[in-house]
Amino acid sequence: MTISQKHFQTKLKQLPRFKLSHLNTPLEPLDRLQKVLGKQGISAPNRLLVKRDDTTGLAFGGNKGRHFEFEIGRILDEGFDTVININHYHSNQARFIAAGCAKAGLKYHIISTDMVNAPITGNLLLCKLMGAVIHRTPAEYGKKMANRIFQQETEAGLKPYILPDDPFADLMGTISFLETGAELEHQIKHYGIKTPVRFWGLTGRSIAGLRLYAKNRGLNWKCTAVQYSPGAIENFQKITKERSKKVAELLDLDEVLEADDLQVLSGYIGSGYGEPDDRVLESIRLVAKTEGLILDPNYTGKSMSGLIGELKAERIDSEETIVFIHSGGLPQLFAHADKFID
């Protein structure tokens, strides 16, 4: 028995929400990229498409615009007026919370960890422009600083909220991409695609949401997630399974994710998080020159390098239709400008 689309719509409408994104985002062909890959002797799949979640609109767009509609809605619903966040210098999440807080009239502190002497550019520059109070510190001091800011803001008569302490923050990405799954189901039908579909993205909540949607709808959708930072695959699979159980309980779904529901690729991380290798840089250049589509060095560039690498190795079924999830991240391209100048 499959869960109806109406069931998903009804359950999502019951959650607090604050509009941040232009939806639905387009599904577009990557025909020129596919043709150029073929000329390079790289066997292409049946069809290659891109889900343009870089076009969600707010603050340069990205998949987290979907995520934070539910998180900002929850924050407002519970009466908080100040958000305290902890994340890395490169963080897209930090940028989107800054945008959401600006739009909702919330005060925002971002504790930007690591790379404390790097210039304020990319996502961190946008945080500054959108009114964030920026605190820079090594990662090991992030939580201590958050607690201190929490105390200061409470004493000032505000009602602060530390984002990483909220369990819902781990679920909102998966929840929001159940709705994306419904969008994609209609778009795939519009394209008349009958072959098996494989969604190609990054390890995280978004790709998990698509797979969870597919399982509950009985759709022949597979998902591949490319790692962009070090970490044991087993840990990602375990966490994803646990999150899916909580989402299923919250939204009355029949199916949850198992460890083998997502294919995870670890061979395209490069030297670490935020460090693109030559394969990533070449993938970004290739997609830009063939499609006028911009990827970023930390996230989507690694995902695309994984896709091209797997096509080269002939490890992708040629009968599949590949849907590449463009999750945004564009501002961080400028933090790596020196790598593209020559």
Protein backbone atom coordinates (compact mmCIF):
# COMPACT_ATOMS: atom_id res chain seq x y z
CA MET A 1 0.00 0.00 0.00
CA THR A 2 1.40 3.40 -0.97
CA ILE A 3 0.99 6.77 0.72
CA SER A 4 -1.00 9.25 -1.40
CA GLN A 5 0.30 12.65 -2.43
CA LYS A 6 -2.67 14.17 -0.61
CA HIS A 7 -1.46 12.55 2.62
CA PHE A 8 1.94 14.25 2.26
CA GLN A 9 0.30 17.60 1.47
CA THR A 10 -2.06 17.37 4.45
CA LYS A 11 0.67 16.47 6.93
CA LEU A 12 3.07 19.17 5.73
CA LYS A 13 0.34 21.81 6.00
CA GLN A 14 -0.02 20.96 9.69
CA LEU A 15 3.56 22.09 10.42
CA PRO A 16 4.44 25.74 11.16
CA ARG A 17 5.99 27.34 8.08
CA PHE A 18 7.42 30.68 6.97
CA LYS A 19 7.74 31.21 3.21
CA LEU A 20 11.31 31.72 2.00
CA SER A 21 11.49 30.03 -1.42
CA HIS A 22 10.17 30.30 -4.95
CA LEU A 23 8.66 26.89 -5.63
CA ASN A 24 8.40 24.76 -7.71
CA THR A 25 11.97 24.81 -9.00
CA PRO A 26 12.61 23.73 -12.61
CA LEU A 27 13.73 20.33 -13.86
CA GLU A 28 15.91 20.92 -16.91
CA PRO A 29 17.89 18.79 -19.40
CA LEU A 30 21.70 18.80 -19.49
CA ASP A 31 21.84 17.85 -23.15
CA ARG A 32 25.02 19.74 -24.08
CA LEU A 33 26.91 18.34 -21.10
CA GLN A 34 25.76 14.86 -22.03
CA LYS A 35 26.84 15.37 -25.65
CA VAL A 36 30.29 16.69 -24.69
CA LEU A 37 30.85 13.81 -22.29
CA GLY A 38 29.99 11.43 -25.13
CA LYS A 39 32.55 13.10 -27.39
CA GLN A 40 35.14 12.55 -24.63
CA GLY A 41 34.36 8.83 -24.70
CA ILE A 42 32.41 8.93 -21.46
CA SER A 43 29.29 6.80 -21.81
CA ALA A 44 26.29 8.87 -20.82
CA PRO A 45 23.10 7.64 -19.16
CA ASN A 46 19.77 7.34 -20.92
CA ARG A 47 19.04 10.93 -19.98
CA LEU A 48 20.70 13.58 -17.80
CA LEU A 49 18.60 16.23 -16.03
CA VAL A 50 19.15 18.79 -13.27
CA LYS A 51 16.76 19.81 -10.50
CA ARG A 52 17.45 23.53 -10.15
CA ASP A 53 17.20 24.10 -6.41
CA ASP A 54 19.80 26.82 -6.88
CA THR A 55 16.82 28.90 -8.09
CA THR A 56 14.81 28.98 -4.84
CA GLY A 57 15.52 32.71 -4.81
CA LEU A 58 16.38 33.98 -1.35
CA ALA A 59 20.03 34.95 -0.74
CA PHE A 60 21.40 33.24 -3.90
CA GLY A 61 19.11 30.22 -3.54
CA GLY A 62 19.71 26.62 -2.59
CA ASN A 63 18.05 23.58 -1.09
CA LYS A 64 18.23 24.96 2.43
CA GLY A 65 15.69 27.58 1.49
CA ARG A 66 13.21 24.69 1.60
CA HIS A 67 14.62 23.37 4.87
CA PHE A 68 14.38 26.63 6.77
CA GLU A 69 10.81 27.41 5.83
CA PHE A 70 9.93 24.81 8.45
CA GLU A 71 12.62 25.79 10.96
CA ILE A 72 11.92 29.55 10.89
CA GLY A 73 8.20 28.75 11.09
CA ARG A 74 8.84 26.67 14.19
CA ILE A 75 11.04 29.37 15.77
CA LEU A 76 8.34 32.01 15.27
CA ASP A 77 5.58 29.69 16.43
CA GLU A 78 7.40 29.10 19.72
CA GLY A 79 7.98 32.80 20.34
CA PHE A 80 11.77 33.06 20.02
CA ASP A 81 13.21 36.39 18.93
CA THR A 82 16.93 35.56 18.71
CA VAL A 83 18.71 32.71 16.92
CA ILE A 84 22.20 31.49 17.86
CA ASN A 85 23.87 29.22 15.34
CA ILE A 86 27.21 27.39 15.14
CA ASN A 87 28.66 26.34 11.80
CA HIS A 88 31.76 26.29 9.61
CA TYR A 89 33.20 29.26 7.71
CA HIS A 90 31.94 27.75 4.43
CA SER A 91 28.41 27.08 5.69
CA ASN A 92 25.44 27.52 3.33
CA GLN A 93 23.20 26.79 6.30
CA ALA A 94 24.56 29.84 8.13
CA ARG A 95 23.68 32.03 5.14
CA PHE A 96 20.13 30.75 4.92
CA ILE A 97 19.44 31.26 8.60
CA ALA A 98 20.73 34.82 8.21
CA ALA A 99 18.30 35.34 5.32
CA GLY A 100 15.40 33.73 7.15
CA CYS A 101 16.06 35.78 10.28
CA ALA A 102 16.28 38.99 8.27
CA LYS A 103 12.98 38.26 6.55
CA ALA A 104 11.28 37.24 9.81
CA GLY A 105 12.69 40.09 11.91
CA LEU A 106 14.77 37.87 14.19
CA LYS A 107 18.15 38.74 15.69
CA TYR A 108 20.87 36.36 14.50
CA HIS A 109 24.25 35.37 15.91
CA ILE A 110 26.48 33.14 13.77
CA ILE A 111 29.43 31.49 15.50
CA SER A 112 31.65 30.85 12.49
CA THR A 113 34.09 28.06 13.29
CA ASP A 114 37.48 27.27 11.77
CA MET A 115 39.34 29.32 9.15
CA VAL A 116 39.09 32.21 11.61
CA ASN A 117 41.62 34.33 9.69
CA ALA A 118 40.07 33.75 6.25
CA PRO A 119 38.61 36.87 4.62
CA ILE A 120 34.92 37.64 5.06
CA THR A 121 33.64 36.62 1.66
CA GLY A 122 31.14 34.16 0.18
CA ASN A 123 28.51 32.97 2.64
CA LEU A 124 30.00 34.82 5.58
CA LEU A 125 29.93 38.11 3.68
CA LEU A 126 26.25 37.57 2.95
CA CYS A 127 25.61 36.87 6.62
CA LYS A 128 27.21 40.23 7.41
CA LEU A 129 25.14 42.04 4.79
CA MET A 130 21.93 40.51 6.18
CA GLY A 131 22.58 41.77 9.69
CA ALA A 132 24.14 38.78 11.40
CA VAL A 133 26.34 39.29 14.43
CA ILE A 134 29.46 37.31 13.52
CA HIS A 135 31.65 35.57 16.09
CA ARG A 136 34.73 33.70 14.82
CA THR A 137 36.34 30.94 16.83
CA PRO A 138 37.99 27.52 16.55
CA ALA A 139 35.39 24.74 16.51
CA GLU A 140 36.23 23.48 20.01
CA TYR A 141 35.02 26.76 21.54
CA GLY A 142 31.80 27.06 19.54
CA LYS A 143 29.38 25.58 22.07
CA LYS A 144 30.89 27.49 24.99
CA MET A 145 30.52 30.75 23.06
CA ALA A 146 26.90 29.91 22.17
CA ASN A 147 26.05 29.35 25.82
CA ARG A 148 27.63 32.66 26.78
CA ILE A 149 25.68 34.55 24.10
CA PHE A 150 22.50 32.76 25.22
CA GLN A 151 23.00 33.97 28.77
CA GLN A 152 23.76 37.54 27.66
CA GLU A 153 20.69 37.77 25.45
CA THR A 154 18.45 36.25 28.13
CA GLU A 155 19.69 38.80 30.66
CA ALA A 156 18.93 41.52 28.08
CA GLY A 157 15.28 40.44 28.09
CA LEU A 158 15.30 38.52 24.80
CA LYS A 159 14.21 34.94 24.15
CA PRO A 160 17.18 33.23 22.44
CA TYR A 161 17.30 29.84 20.77
CA ILE A 162 20.41 27.75 20.07
CA LEU A 163 19.77 26.04 16.74
CA PRO A 164 22.07 22.98 17.12
CA ASP A 165 20.29 22.08 20.40
CA ASP A 166 16.92 21.54 18.68
CA PRO A 167 16.26 17.93 17.51
CA PHE A 168 13.83 19.24 14.87
CA ALA A 169 16.75 20.89 13.07
CA ASP A 170 17.94 17.37 12.16
CA LEU A 171 14.58 16.50 10.58
CA MET A 172 13.52 19.60 8.65
CA GLY A 173 15.69 18.87 5.60
CA THR A 174 14.24 15.41 5.14
CA ILE A 175 10.72 16.75 5.73
CA SER A 176 11.08 19.54 3.17
CA PHE A 177 12.35 17.17 0.49
CA LEU A 178 9.26 15.01 0.78
CA GLU A 179 7.55 17.99 -0.84
CA THR A 180 10.36 18.15 -3.42
CA GLY A 181 9.63 14.51 -4.17
CA ALA A 182 6.05 15.43 -5.04
CA GLU A 183 7.30 18.18 -7.34
CA LEU A 184 9.66 15.77 -9.06
CA GLU A 185 7.02 13.10 -9.47
CA HIS A 186 4.90 15.53 -11.48
CA GLN A 187 7.89 16.83 -13.46
CA ILE A 188 9.14 13.35 -14.35
CA LYS A 189 5.66 12.44 -15.54
CA HIS A 190 5.60 15.64 -17.63
CA TYR A 191 8.86 14.57 -19.32
CA GLY A 192 7.35 11.18 -20.09
CA ILE A 193 10.23 9.34 -18.42
CA LYS A 194 9.59 5.62 -18.16
CA THR A 195 13.09 4.38 -17.32
CA PRO A 196 14.40 3.90 -13.77
CA VAL A 197 15.37 7.23 -12.19
CA ARG A 198 18.48 7.83 -10.10
CA PHE A 199 18.76 11.04 -8.09
CA TRP A 200 22.32 12.24 -7.67
CA GLY A 201 23.23 14.50 -4.78
CA LEU A 202 25.23 14.90 -1.60
CA THR A 203 25.20 13.09 1.72
CA GLY A 204 22.64 14.88 3.84
CA ARG A 205 18.97 15.29 4.60
CA SER A 206 17.75 16.32 1.14
CA ILE A 207 18.63 13.15 -0.76
CA ALA A 208 17.28 11.12 2.17
CA GLY A 209 13.96 12.93 1.87
CA LEU A 210 13.67 12.01 -1.80
CA ARG A 211 14.35 8.35 -1.11
CA LEU A 212 11.89 8.32 1.79
CA TYR A 213 9.24 9.85 -0.46
CA ALA A 214 9.90 7.25 -3.15
CA LYS A 215 9.62 4.33 -0.73
CA ASN A 216 6.29 5.55 0.60
CA ARG A 217 4.97 6.24 -2.90
CA GLY A 218 6.19 2.95 -4.36
CA LEU A 219 8.32 4.68 -7.01
CA ASN A 220 11.27 3.18 -8.85
CA TRP A 221 13.69 5.87 -7.69
CA LYS A 222 17.23 5.17 -6.60
CA CYS A 223 19.51 7.66 -4.88
CA THR A 224 23.26 8.19 -4.86
CA ALA A 225 24.87 10.49 -2.29
CA VAL A 226 28.43 11.76 -2.73
CA GLN A 227 30.39 12.51 0.43
CA TYR A 228 31.80 16.04 0.55
CA SER A 229 33.60 15.69 3.90
CA PRO A 230 35.27 12.82 5.79
CA GLY A 231 33.19 10.45 7.86
CA ALA A 232 32.26 6.79 8.10
CA ILE A 233 29.55 5.78 5.63
CA GLU A 234 28.04 3.55 8.31
CA ASN A 235 27.53 6.54 10.59
CA PHE A 236 25.72 8.49 7.88
CA GLN A 237 23.50 5.51 7.12
CA LYS A 238 22.71 4.98 10.79
CA ILE A 239 21.85 8.63 11.40
CA THR A 240 19.76 8.80 8.24
CA LYS A 241 17.80 5.70 9.25
CA GLU A 242 17.12 7.13 12.72
CA ARG A 243 15.98 10.46 11.29
CA SER A 244 13.67 8.73 8.83
CA LYS A 245 11.96 6.88 11.69
CA LYS A 246 11.26 10.17 13.46
CA VAL A 247 9.95 11.78 10.27
CA ALA A 248 7.77 8.75 9.54
CA GLU A 249 6.32 8.91 13.05
CA LEU A 250 5.70 12.66 12.79
CA LEU A 251 3.98 12.43 9.39
CA ASP A 252 2.34 8.98 9.70
CA LEU A 253 4.34 7.28 6.95
CA ASP A 254 4.45 3.52 6.42
CA GLU A 255 8.05 3.11 5.31
CA VAL A 256 11.38 4.18 6.82
CA LEU A 257 14.87 4.12 5.33
CA GLU A 258 17.25 1.21 5.73
CA ALA A 259 21.04 1.29 5.52
CA ASP A 260 21.10 0.22 1.87
CA ASP A 261 18.49 2.71 0.65
CA LEU A 262 21.16 5.24 -0.31
CA GLN A 263 24.26 4.43 -2.30
CA VAL A 264 27.07 6.46 -0.72
CA LEU A 265 30.30 7.31 -2.56
CA SER A 266 33.34 8.24 -0.49
CA GLY A 267 35.95 8.53 -3.25
CA TYR A 268 35.34 12.16 -4.22
CA ILE A 269 35.99 14.01 -0.94
CA GLY A 270 39.43 15.23 -1.99
CA SER A 271 41.70 16.32 0.85
CA GLY A 272 38.79 17.30 3.09
CA TYR A 273 35.77 19.52 3.63
CA GLY A 274 35.99 22.78 1.75
CA GLU A 275 39.00 21.57 -0.26
CA PRO A 276 38.21 20.86 -3.93
CA ASP A 277 40.61 18.69 -5.93
CA ASP A 278 41.39 18.91 -9.66
CA ARG A 279 38.42 16.69 -10.56
CA VAL A 280 36.06 19.13 -8.85
CA LEU A 281 37.59 22.19 -10.52
CA GLU A 282 37.42 20.56 -13.94
CA SER A 283 33.80 19.51 -13.38
CA ILE A 284 32.84 23.07 -12.47
CA ARG A 285 34.56 24.44 -15.60
CA LEU A 286 32.97 21.79 -17.84
CA VAL A 287 29.41 22.36 -16.62
CA ALA A 288 29.83 26.14 -16.81
CA LYS A 289 31.15 26.02 -20.39
CA THR A 290 28.58 23.53 -21.68
CA GLU A 291 25.43 24.61 -19.85
CA GLY A 292 26.04 28.06 -18.37
CA LEU A 293 25.30 26.37 -15.05
CA ILE A 294 27.44 27.33 -12.05
CA LEU A 295 28.45 24.79 -9.41
CA ASP A 296 30.46 25.41 -6.24
CA PRO A 297 33.76 23.86 -5.07
CA ASN A 298 32.55 22.56 -1.68
CA TYR A 299 29.31 20.79 -2.48
CA THR A 300 27.78 20.53 -5.95
CA GLY A 301 31.19 20.49 -7.64
CA LYS A 302 32.10 17.39 -5.64
CA SER A 303 28.75 15.81 -6.46
CA MET A 304 29.27 16.42 -10.19
CA SER A 305 32.85 15.14 -10.06
CA GLY A 306 31.44 11.97 -8.55
CA LEU A 307 28.86 11.63 -11.31
CA ILE A 308 31.43 12.14 -14.07
CA GLY A 309 33.88 9.81 -12.32
CA GLU A 310 31.30 7.04 -12.05
CA LEU A 311 30.30 7.50 -15.69
CA LYS A 312 33.95 7.23 -16.72
CA ALA A 313 34.28 4.03 -14.70
CA GLU A 314 31.08 2.70 -16.33
CA ARG A 315 29.47 2.05 -12.96
CA ILE A 316 26.15 3.68 -13.88
CA ASP A 317 23.40 1.79 -15.69
CA SER A 318 23.03 3.35 -19.13
CA GLU A 319 19.26 2.72 -19.00
CA GLU A 320 18.80 5.01 -16.01
CA THR A 321 17.70 8.61 -16.13
CA ILE A 322 20.00 10.66 -13.89
CA VAL A 323 18.55 13.68 -12.05
CA PHE A 324 21.34 15.80 -10.61
CA ILE A 325 20.23 17.77 -7.55
CA HIS A 326 21.68 21.27 -7.76
CA SER A 327 21.51 22.26 -4.11
CA GLY A 328 23.02 25.74 -4.52
CA GLY A 329 26.09 26.88 -2.60
CA LEU A 330 27.14 29.42 -5.23
CA PRO A 331 28.57 32.10 -2.88
CA GLN A 332 31.44 29.81 -1.89
CA LEU A 333 32.71 29.82 -5.45
CA PHE A 334 34.11 33.28 -4.70
CA ALA A 335 35.93 32.01 -1.61
CA HIS A 336 37.93 29.80 -4.02
CA ALA A 337 38.40 32.39 -6.78
CA ASP A 338 42.17 31.95 -6.86
CA LYS A 339 41.73 28.37 -8.10
CA PHE A 340 39.92 29.49 -11.27
CA ILE A 341 41.93 32.54 -12.33
CA ASP A 342 44.69 30.76 -14.30
